[in-house]
């Protein structure tokens, strides 16, 4: 299972549920101190098998079977199945920018400072929602900036090897 960083904020999004949960891990180890939706929780967490874990929260025991696939976890808790997406703040912000059904002209701005290493579209090109527009390297990670909707690239404001700041315009999709 992917290890989550201490003092970091995550978002857990269970598939099929409207709720999204804010999770901040305060302390780690075999006992985790965290905040979930603003409520402090202490959980004892021990690996008992290949994908099996024992979790105790508020003196209540849970047997958990976890399979990890990218940002998604298949979780079996005491016989109940959940598919949960776990995102850090950057991935959530990028997902939110591209996942909403958008109408009209959309200006795509830089979500973080970085370097544009690859531009995959040209002005006048037709794109579908989710199509990659460019690669932005920030904090030593490659981030694909995707089209938020179906449309045509009206304006392209960046080129390869260009440094950008937060809020700089990247493209307009109409």
C-alpha atoms as a PDB file:
ATOM      1  CA  UNK A   1       0.000   0.000   0.000  1.00  0.00           C
ATOM      2  CA  UNK A   2       1.235   3.500  -0.819  1.00  0.00           C
ATOM      3  CA  UNK A   3       2.461   5.288   2.322  1.00  0.00           C
ATOM      4  CA  UNK A   4       0.707   8.595   3.010  1.00  0.00           C
ATOM      5  CA  UNK A   5       2.828  11.508   4.202  1.00  0.00           C
ATOM      6  CA  UNK A   6       2.490  12.856   7.723  1.00  0.00           C
ATOM      7  CA  UNK A   7       1.188  16.444   8.065  1.00  0.00           C
ATOM      8  CA  UNK A   8      -0.358  16.264   4.624  1.00  0.00           C
ATOM      9  CA  UNK A   9      -3.934  16.805   3.503  1.00  0.00           C
ATOM     10  CA  UNK A  10      -5.781  14.263   1.388  1.00  0.00           C
ATOM     11  CA  UNK A  11      -9.248  13.908  -0.068  1.00  0.00           C
ATOM     12  CA  UNK A  12     -11.050  10.562   0.017  1.00  0.00           C
ATOM     13  CA  UNK A  13     -13.802  10.252  -2.583  1.00  0.00           C
ATOM     14  CA  UNK A  14     -15.842   7.031  -2.294  1.00  0.00           C
ATOM     15  CA  UNK A  15     -17.242   5.918  -5.650  1.00  0.00           C
ATOM     16  CA  UNK A  16     -21.043   6.062  -5.765  1.00  0.00           C
ATOM     17  CA  UNK A  17     -21.318   8.546  -2.876  1.00  0.00           C
ATOM     18  CA  UNK A  18     -21.728  12.307  -3.092  1.00  0.00           C
ATOM     19  CA  UNK A  19     -19.552  12.908  -0.025  1.00  0.00           C
ATOM     20  CA  UNK A  20     -15.910  13.858  -0.226  1.00  0.00           C
ATOM     21  CA  UNK A  21     -13.866  13.629   2.969  1.00  0.00           C
ATOM     22  CA  UNK A  22     -10.981  15.914   3.963  1.00  0.00           C
ATOM     23  CA  UNK A  23      -8.275  13.942   5.763  1.00  0.00           C
ATOM     24  CA  UNK A  24      -5.212  15.450   7.396  1.00  0.00           C
ATOM     25  CA  UNK A  25      -2.628  13.055   8.792  1.00  0.00           C
ATOM     26  CA  UNK A  26      -0.994  14.633  11.834  1.00  0.00           C
ATOM     27  CA  UNK A  27       1.169  11.769  13.167  1.00  0.00           C
ATOM     28  CA  UNK A  28       2.053   8.398  11.666  1.00  0.00           C
ATOM     29  CA  UNK A  29       3.512   5.034  12.635  1.00  0.00           C
ATOM     30  CA  UNK A  30       1.498   2.084  13.926  1.00  0.00           C
ATOM     31  CA  UNK A  31      -0.913   4.593  15.451  1.00  0.00           C
ATOM     32  CA  UNK A  32      -2.187   7.421  13.268  1.00  0.00           C
ATOM     33  CA  UNK A  33      -3.514  10.702  14.587  1.00  0.00           C
ATOM     34  CA  UNK A  34      -5.589  12.445  11.941  1.00  0.00           C
ATOM     35  CA  UNK A  35      -8.448  14.797  11.299  1.00  0.00           C
ATOM     36  CA  UNK A  36     -11.321  13.661   9.091  1.00  0.00           C
ATOM     37  CA  UNK A  37     -13.764  16.391   8.120  1.00  0.00           C
ATOM     38  CA  UNK A  38     -12.479  18.413  11.089  1.00  0.00           C
ATOM     39  CA  UNK A  39     -12.953  15.599  13.657  1.00  0.00           C
ATOM     40  CA  UNK A  40      -9.835  14.214  15.355  1.00  0.00           C
ATOM     41  CA  UNK A  41      -9.402  10.437  15.070  1.00  0.00           C
ATOM     42  CA  UNK A  42      -6.756   8.128  16.500  1.00  0.00           C
ATOM     43  CA  UNK A  43      -6.414   4.841  14.658  1.00  0.00           C
ATOM     44  CA  UNK A  44      -4.197   1.839  15.376  1.00  0.00           C
ATOM     45  CA  UNK A  45      -3.190   0.372  12.026  1.00  0.00           C
ATOM     46  CA  UNK A  46      -1.285  -2.915  11.673  1.00  0.00           C
ATOM     47  CA  UNK A  47      -0.510  -4.969   8.571  1.00  0.00           C
ATOM     48  CA  UNK A  48      -1.555  -8.587   9.203  1.00  0.00           C
ATOM     49  CA  UNK A  49      -1.085 -10.118   5.759  1.00  0.00           C
ATOM     50  CA  UNK A  50      -0.228  -9.335   2.114  1.00  0.00           C
ATOM     51  CA  UNK A  51      -3.087  -6.828   1.613  1.00  0.00           C
ATOM     52  CA  UNK A  52      -4.709  -7.341   5.025  1.00  0.00           C
ATOM     53  CA  UNK A  53      -4.770  -4.795   7.813  1.00  0.00           C
ATOM     54  CA  UNK A  54      -6.246  -4.531  11.285  1.00  0.00           C
ATOM     55  CA  UNK A  55      -7.651  -1.112  12.151  1.00  0.00           C
ATOM     56  CA  UNK A  56      -8.944  -0.032  15.555  1.00  0.00           C
ATOM     57  CA  UNK A  57     -10.825   3.266  15.894  1.00  0.00           C
ATOM     58  CA  UNK A  58     -12.663   4.191  19.130  1.00  0.00           C
ATOM     59  CA  UNK A  59     -12.138   0.650  20.483  1.00  0.00           C
ATOM     60  CA  UNK A  60     -13.902  -0.778  17.419  1.00  0.00           C
ATOM     61  CA  UNK A  61     -11.989  -3.324  15.331  1.00  0.00           C
ATOM     62  CA  UNK A  62     -12.069  -3.471  11.517  1.00  0.00           C
ATOM     63  CA  UNK A  63     -10.503  -6.088   9.256  1.00  0.00           C
ATOM     64  CA  UNK A  64      -9.506  -4.413   6.001  1.00  0.00           C
ATOM     65  CA  UNK A  65      -8.384  -5.873   2.675  1.00  0.00           C
ATOM     66  CA  UNK A  66      -6.860  -3.121   0.486  1.00  0.00           C
ATOM     67  CA  UNK A  67      -5.785  -3.240  -3.172  1.00  0.00           C
ATOM     68  CA  UNK A  68      -4.062  -0.166  -4.572  1.00  0.00           C
ATOM     69  CA  UNK A  69      -4.335   0.935  -8.213  1.00  0.00           C
ATOM     70  CA  UNK A  70      -2.977   4.414  -8.933  1.00  0.00           C
ATOM     71  CA  UNK A  71      -4.979   6.893  -6.849  1.00  0.00           C
ATOM     72  CA  UNK A  72      -7.790   4.374  -6.332  1.00  0.00           C
ATOM     73  CA  UNK A  73      -8.137   1.822  -3.581  1.00  0.00           C
ATOM     74  CA  UNK A  74     -10.378  -1.250  -3.604  1.00  0.00           C
ATOM     75  CA  UNK A  75     -11.261  -1.655   0.063  1.00  0.00           C
ATOM     76  CA  UNK A  76     -13.089  -4.535   1.739  1.00  0.00           C
ATOM     77  CA  UNK A  77     -14.056  -3.571   5.317  1.00  0.00           C
ATOM     78  CA  UNK A  78     -15.648  -6.320   7.407  1.00  0.00           C
ATOM     79  CA  UNK A  79     -17.267  -7.704   4.245  1.00  0.00           C
ATOM     80  CA  UNK A  80     -18.398  -4.344   2.758  1.00  0.00           C
ATOM     81  CA  UNK A  81     -16.751  -3.273  -0.530  1.00  0.00           C
ATOM     82  CA  UNK A  82     -15.760   0.320  -1.353  1.00  0.00           C
ATOM     83  CA  UNK A  83     -13.789   1.864  -4.208  1.00  0.00           C
ATOM     84  CA  UNK A  84     -12.129   5.014  -2.895  1.00  0.00           C
ATOM     85  CA  UNK A  85     -10.070   7.593  -4.734  1.00  0.00           C
ATOM     86  CA  UNK A  86      -7.442   9.275  -2.520  1.00  0.00           C
ATOM     87  CA  UNK A  87      -5.960  12.513  -3.823  1.00  0.00           C
ATOM     88  CA  UNK A  88      -3.475  14.997  -2.425  1.00  0.00           C
ATOM     89  CA  UNK A  89      -4.281  18.715  -2.719  1.00  0.00           C
ATOM     90  CA  UNK A  90      -2.555  19.197  -6.086  1.00  0.00           C
ATOM     91  CA  UNK A  91      -4.187  16.186  -7.749  1.00  0.00           C
ATOM     92  CA  UNK A  92      -7.600  17.198  -6.386  1.00  0.00           C
ATOM     93  CA  UNK A  93      -7.241  20.724  -7.739  1.00  0.00           C
ATOM     94  CA  UNK A  94      -6.250  19.398 -11.169  1.00  0.00           C
ATOM     95  CA  UNK A  95      -9.105  16.854 -11.153  1.00  0.00           C
ATOM     96  CA  UNK A  96     -11.652  19.495 -10.133  1.00  0.00           C
ATOM     97  CA  UNK A  97     -10.539  21.731 -12.978  1.00  0.00           C
ATOM     98  CA  UNK A  98     -11.086  19.004 -15.568  1.00  0.00           C
ATOM     99  CA  UNK A  99     -13.996  16.964 -14.218  1.00  0.00           C
ATOM    100  CA  UNK A 100     -16.899  19.398 -14.170  1.00  0.00           C
ATOM    101  CA  UNK A 101     -19.176  19.679 -17.200  1.00  0.00           C
ATOM    102  CA  UNK A 102     -18.400  23.179 -18.408  1.00  0.00           C
ATOM    103  CA  UNK A 103     -20.315  25.418 -20.765  1.00  0.00           C
ATOM    104  CA  UNK A 104     -18.988  28.274 -22.879  1.00  0.00           C
ATOM    105  CA  UNK A 105     -15.510  29.673 -23.261  1.00  0.00           C
ATOM    106  CA  UNK A 106     -13.009  28.276 -20.735  1.00  0.00           C
ATOM    107  CA  UNK A 107      -9.759  30.015 -19.880  1.00  0.00           C
ATOM    108  CA  UNK A 108      -7.248  27.494 -18.581  1.00  0.00           C
ATOM    109  CA  UNK A 109      -4.829  29.070 -16.132  1.00  0.00           C
ATOM    110  CA  UNK A 110      -1.721  27.665 -14.497  1.00  0.00           C
ATOM    111  CA  UNK A 111      -2.625  25.922 -11.224  1.00  0.00           C
ATOM    112  CA  UNK A 112       0.994  26.144  -9.970  1.00  0.00           C
ATOM    113  CA  UNK A 113       4.328  27.641 -11.022  1.00  0.00           C
ATOM    114  CA  UNK A 114       6.395  25.451 -13.289  1.00  0.00           C
ATOM    115  CA  UNK A 115       7.896  24.785 -16.684  1.00  0.00           C
ATOM    116  CA  UNK A 116       5.891  23.868 -19.789  1.00  0.00           C
ATOM    117  CA  UNK A 117       7.891  20.994 -21.267  1.00  0.00           C
ATOM    118  CA  UNK A 118       5.513  19.874 -23.998  1.00  0.00           C
ATOM    119  CA  UNK A 119       2.591  21.445 -25.877  1.00  0.00           C
ATOM    120  CA  UNK A 120       0.358  18.822 -27.486  1.00  0.00           C
ATOM    121  CA  UNK A 121      -2.178  21.046 -29.294  1.00  0.00           C
ATOM    122  CA  UNK A 122      -2.291  23.935 -31.758  1.00  0.00           C
ATOM    123  CA  UNK A 123      -4.641  26.894 -32.070  1.00  0.00           C
ATOM    124  CA  UNK A 124      -7.735  25.892 -34.037  1.00  0.00           C
ATOM    125  CA  UNK A 125      -7.407  22.220 -33.056  1.00  0.00           C
ATOM    126  CA  UNK A 126     -10.532  20.372 -31.924  1.00  0.00           C
ATOM    127  CA  UNK A 127     -10.230  18.676 -28.520  1.00  0.00           C
ATOM    128  CA  UNK A 128     -12.407  16.421 -26.388  1.00  0.00           C
ATOM    129  CA  UNK A 129     -12.898  16.729 -22.636  1.00  0.00           C
ATOM    130  CA  UNK A 130      -9.898  15.152 -20.911  1.00  0.00           C
ATOM    131  CA  UNK A 131      -7.571  15.396 -23.926  1.00  0.00           C
ATOM    132  CA  UNK A 132      -4.039  16.398 -22.853  1.00  0.00           C
ATOM    133  CA  UNK A 133      -3.149  19.958 -23.844  1.00  0.00           C
ATOM    134  CA  UNK A 134       0.338  20.266 -22.367  1.00  0.00           C
ATOM    135  CA  UNK A 135       2.791  18.960 -19.791  1.00  0.00           C
ATOM    136  CA  UNK A 136       3.662  21.232 -16.878  1.00  0.00           C
ATOM    137  CA  UNK A 137       6.581  20.225 -14.647  1.00  0.00           C
ATOM    138  CA  UNK A 138       6.158  21.538 -11.110  1.00  0.00           C
ATOM    139  CA  UNK A 139       7.753  20.383  -7.871  1.00  0.00           C
ATOM    140  CA  UNK A 140       9.725  17.758  -9.872  1.00  0.00           C
ATOM    141  CA  UNK A 141       6.482  16.137 -11.078  1.00  0.00           C
ATOM    142  CA  UNK A 142       5.021  16.043 -14.579  1.00  0.00           C
ATOM    143  CA  UNK A 143       1.414  17.224 -14.618  1.00  0.00           C
ATOM    144  CA  UNK A 144      -0.796  16.755 -17.644  1.00  0.00           C
ATOM    145  CA  UNK A 145      -3.036  19.770 -18.171  1.00  0.00           C
ATOM    146  CA  UNK A 146      -6.193  18.482 -19.851  1.00  0.00           C
ATOM    147  CA  UNK A 147      -9.064  20.061 -21.702  1.00  0.00           C
ATOM    148  CA  UNK A 148     -11.958  20.776 -19.328  1.00  0.00           C
ATOM    149  CA  UNK A 149     -14.523  20.325 -22.129  1.00  0.00           C
ATOM    150  CA  UNK A 150     -15.094  19.438 -25.763  1.00  0.00           C
ATOM    151  CA  UNK A 151     -14.244  22.382 -27.995  1.00  0.00           C
ATOM    152  CA  UNK A 152     -11.663  24.155 -30.108  1.00  0.00           C
ATOM    153  CA  UNK A 153      -8.367  25.608 -28.884  1.00  0.00           C
ATOM    154  CA  UNK A 154      -9.044  29.307 -29.540  1.00  0.00           C
ATOM    155  CA  UNK A 155      -5.842  30.680 -28.036  1.00  0.00           C
ATOM    156  CA  UNK A 156      -2.606  29.097 -26.891  1.00  0.00           C
ATOM    157  CA  UNK A 157      -0.545  31.376 -24.655  1.00  0.00           C
ATOM    158  CA  UNK A 158       2.484  29.167 -23.938  1.00  0.00           C
ATOM    159  CA  UNK A 159       5.214  27.327 -25.788  1.00  0.00           C
ATOM    160  CA  UNK A 160       7.628  24.550 -24.856  1.00  0.00           C
ATOM    161  CA  UNK A 161      10.353  25.410 -22.334  1.00  0.00           C
ATOM    162  CA  UNK A 162       8.389  28.402 -21.053  1.00  0.00           C
ATOM    163  CA  UNK A 163       8.285  29.146 -17.319  1.00  0.00           C
ATOM    164  CA  UNK A 164       4.841  30.020 -15.930  1.00  0.00           C
ATOM    165  CA  UNK A 165       3.521  31.405 -12.644  1.00  0.00           C
ATOM    166  CA  UNK A 166       0.298  30.629 -10.785  1.00  0.00           C
ATOM    167  CA  UNK A 167      -2.665  32.076 -12.693  1.00  0.00           C
ATOM    168  CA  UNK A 168      -0.874  32.583 -16.016  1.00  0.00           C
ATOM    169  CA  UNK A 169      -3.137  31.857 -18.976  1.00  0.00           C
ATOM    170  CA  UNK A 170      -2.279  28.645 -20.792  1.00  0.00           C
ATOM    171  CA  UNK A 171      -5.089  28.297 -23.351  1.00  0.00           C
ATOM    172  CA  UNK A 172      -8.694  29.119 -24.156  1.00  0.00           C
ATOM    173  CA  UNK A 173     -11.115  26.362 -25.179  1.00  0.00           C
ATOM    174  CA  UNK A 174     -14.420  27.392 -26.754  1.00  0.00           C
END
